[in-house]
């Protein structure tokens, strides 16, 4: 049963990754808008850019990790068993 629950928290496809990145970006930009209201002028816009940049870096890492896991799985399936 726990393996089924754990599987819900694993990103398996690029489609799932894109949905998660979209949700992160939506929250980050909402926070960025709050920053522009709390800190008027360039400090608010700088913080807003930082929140968006963090999502871009995190999203790239998520997509790279999915590609790496797929390639590692393919390589392990094609390797002959070592005896």
Protein backbone atom coordinates (compact mmCIF):
# COMPACT_ATOMS: atom_id res chain seq x y z
CA UNK A 1 0.00 0.00 0.00
CA UNK A 2 2.80 2.44 0.85
CA UNK A 3 4.38 1.90 -2.56
CA UNK A 4 1.15 3.10 -4.18
CA UNK A 5 1.15 6.20 -2.00
CA UNK A 6 4.84 6.87 -2.71
CA UNK A 7 4.21 6.55 -6.43
CA UNK A 8 1.86 9.54 -6.30
CA UNK A 9 4.81 11.77 -5.40
CA UNK A 10 7.13 10.63 -8.21
CA UNK A 11 7.29 12.63 -11.43
CA UNK A 12 7.28 10.02 -14.19
CA UNK A 13 6.65 11.93 -17.41
CA UNK A 14 7.51 15.30 -18.92
CA UNK A 15 3.80 16.14 -18.96
CA UNK A 16 3.63 15.78 -15.16
CA UNK A 17 6.79 17.88 -14.87
CA UNK A 18 5.27 20.65 -16.97
CA UNK A 19 2.16 20.70 -14.78
CA UNK A 20 4.25 20.95 -11.62
CA UNK A 21 6.46 23.67 -13.10
CA UNK A 22 3.35 25.61 -14.14
CA UNK A 23 1.97 25.40 -10.60
CA UNK A 24 5.29 26.54 -9.15
CA UNK A 25 5.45 29.45 -11.62
CA UNK A 26 1.91 30.51 -10.82
CA UNK A 27 2.70 30.65 -7.11
CA UNK A 28 6.02 32.40 -7.69
CA UNK A 29 4.49 35.11 -9.82
CA UNK A 30 1.73 35.66 -7.27
CA UNK A 31 4.42 36.10 -4.66
CA UNK A 32 6.28 38.39 -7.05
CA UNK A 33 3.23 40.63 -7.42
CA UNK A 34 3.03 40.82 -3.63
CA UNK A 35 6.69 41.83 -3.55
CA UNK A 36 6.06 44.67 -6.00
CA UNK A 37 3.29 45.96 -3.72
CA UNK A 38 5.28 45.59 -0.51
CA UNK A 39 8.52 46.98 -1.95
CA UNK A 40 7.65 49.64 -4.54
CA UNK A 41 10.16 50.44 -7.24
CA UNK A 42 13.16 48.45 -8.35
CA UNK A 43 13.54 46.33 -5.16
CA UNK A 44 10.10 44.79 -5.72
CA UNK A 45 10.81 44.08 -9.38
CA UNK A 46 14.17 42.57 -8.47
CA UNK A 47 12.51 40.21 -5.99
CA UNK A 48 9.84 39.35 -8.57
CA UNK A 49 12.56 38.47 -11.09
CA UNK A 50 14.28 36.34 -8.45
CA UNK A 51 11.12 34.31 -7.82
CA UNK A 52 10.65 33.73 -11.55
CA UNK A 53 14.30 32.84 -12.01
CA UNK A 54 14.15 30.31 -9.20
CA UNK A 55 11.25 28.54 -10.92
CA UNK A 56 13.16 28.50 -14.22
CA UNK A 57 16.20 26.94 -12.59
CA UNK A 58 14.12 24.43 -10.66
CA UNK A 59 12.09 23.51 -13.73
CA UNK A 60 15.22 22.92 -15.77
CA UNK A 61 16.57 20.65 -13.03
CA UNK A 62 13.31 18.68 -12.90
CA UNK A 63 13.33 18.16 -16.68
CA UNK A 64 17.01 17.15 -16.65
CA UNK A 65 16.37 14.68 -13.84
CA UNK A 66 13.55 13.03 -15.78
CA UNK A 67 15.79 12.69 -18.85
CA UNK A 68 18.62 11.29 -16.73
CA UNK A 69 16.37 8.72 -15.04
CA UNK A 70 14.96 7.62 -18.40
CA UNK A 71 18.46 7.22 -19.89
CA UNK A 72 19.74 5.36 -16.82
CA UNK A 73 16.78 2.98 -16.95
CA UNK A 74 17.32 2.34 -20.66
CA UNK A 75 21.04 1.72 -20.11
CA UNK A 76 20.39 -0.72 -17.27
CA UNK A 77 17.90 -2.67 -19.36
CA UNK A 78 20.32 -3.05 -22.29
CA UNK A 79 23.37 -4.07 -20.22
CA UNK A 80 24.01 -7.78 -20.06
CA UNK A 81 24.03 -9.24 -16.55
CA UNK A 82 27.56 -9.41 -15.15
CA UNK A 83 28.52 -12.90 -14.09
